[in-house]
Amino acid sequence: MKKTLYYIAILFISILLRMASSIYYPEDIDSLRFALSIIEFDITKLQPHFPGYIVFCSIVKVIYFVTNSIGLSFAIVGGLSVFLIIWISHKLIEIKEYSITSVFCTFIILLNPFIWLMSNRYMPDLLGSAFCLLSFYFLTKLNNKKLFIIIGYGLIGITAGIKLSFLPILLIPFINGLINKEKIIIKLTSFIIGSLIWIIPMIYSTGFINIIEFGSKHLAGHFLEYGGTILVEINLFDRIIMIIKALWADGLGGYWLNRNFITYITSISLLVFIIFGYQELLKRNNDLNKKLFSLLIPYIIWIFLFQNILYKARHILPVLCITLIYLVLIFKENNKTSKTILISSIIYLISISMLTSKLINQHIDGTAIYKVKNYLIENLKEKTIVSIPLINYYLRANNLDREYVDIDLSNEKKNFKQLEKLEEFYLIGNFPNHFKNWETKVDTVFYHNPFLNNMWPEVQIHRLNLNKISK
């Protein structure tokens, strides 16, 4: 009974904290698509984009029927996701409830800045990470009970309906379970059933032909055009650096260029913690260490090659969750014998909570594109808006009734032909250099912390007038 009450308390704390820090606006274009999907799920309108994330959207929609608030609904799912990660970490590491290790495990996950931001963002990534860990737990930790392994395969199928691109992290345990040929048909059947739970409703709501059409377009676009894969963004060094940055700076709150002074403290305390603690962890030769590491290899290769890690740090989230489990393992093995570990862990938790608090306030305040939307409503009424299609889509979807002109940054002649009939318009975005024939004037510039969200951290508004064309 005490154990149950302990986890119920963590569940309520996780949800209440996320509700308290809810955001009531879509912070970027991806968040907007998921917000719209709760009102009207339609893959053909990119609400959301393929593959639909229908399990995640359905869970949020059920909560939305009760709360009638998009912000609160996503926050509650975020709180549930945080609790799942904490609970699974306890089970994987075999932590005793009410112990000092349990307190450390709870707080290092609960207060993590990136996990907190993602738990309030209108995105499926955190729940997807939680279900990856849950599937791993059923496949490996409960390997003496065949029923749980079968359930684990079903969970992998369901996880695909939450965040399909996270599945490579489960590749090795999935294959290992099939190498053991016992009940292989039942395992695969369980996986298929788990997948059909979301595939059938998606086909019913979208149509089989539409699924094939939009799925093939999205796959081609993701890998060959806009997905930020290595086939499009070839710079290998930048991809390595951004993976390190995403995990160290975004994920663990470590220092990076032009970052808050608090990150000096988080970095030093965390490095001391790792340096003085990892050797004891290696000595234990824990089987869990090897299994966790086996998850990381295929997934890191996957995001390095085929995910937009250059611009979207959220792809590192499953790696961050496993890294936090490793930190808890270090604490568990060392906290009774090393004062250095104990002191450095306390300093890290205090400093990371300060950093997280700062980011939460900035998150509630709004991203740059959200501030642009508010500024346009209040100050630039009945003005023509010129921008790239994504920004115009964001503004239109937020009920900003204006005349919009979409521009193509790769075709300046086409843009000039579109705009030459306009006497005055406002250019939204950081690309006045594409209008060299025009004399531009900066109206306003909006910013947000790039560690809050690295999409559009600076958005400029320029005023252009036909009468001021440079000769």
Foldseek 3Di string as FASTA:
>chain_A
DVVVVLLVVLLVVLLVVLLVLFAQAAFALQLLLCLVCLVPNECVVCNPDPPRLPLVSVQLNVVCVVVVGSRSSLLNVLSVLLSLLLVLLCLLLVPDPPDPLSVLSSLQSSLWQLSSLNSRHSALLSNLLSLLSVLVCLLPVPVVDVVSNLLSLLSLLLSCSRPVLLSLLCVVSVVVVVVPVVCNVSSVVSNVVSNCVRPVVVCVSHNPVRSVVSVVVVVCCLACNPFQFCNHVVPLVLLVVLLCCLQACLGQVADDPPDDPLNVQLNVLVVLLCVVQVVLVVVVVDPSVVVLVSSPVRLSVCCSGRGNSNQFSSSCVSVSSSVSSVSSSSCVRPVVPDPSNVVSSVSNSVSSNVVSVVLSVLVNVGAQLVVVLVCCVVPVPAFEEEEAPRSVVSNVSVVRDYHYDHDDLVDLPVVCVVPLVPFKHKYKADPCVSVLQWDKDWDDKGAGDCSSPVPCRIMTIIMTGNVGGDD
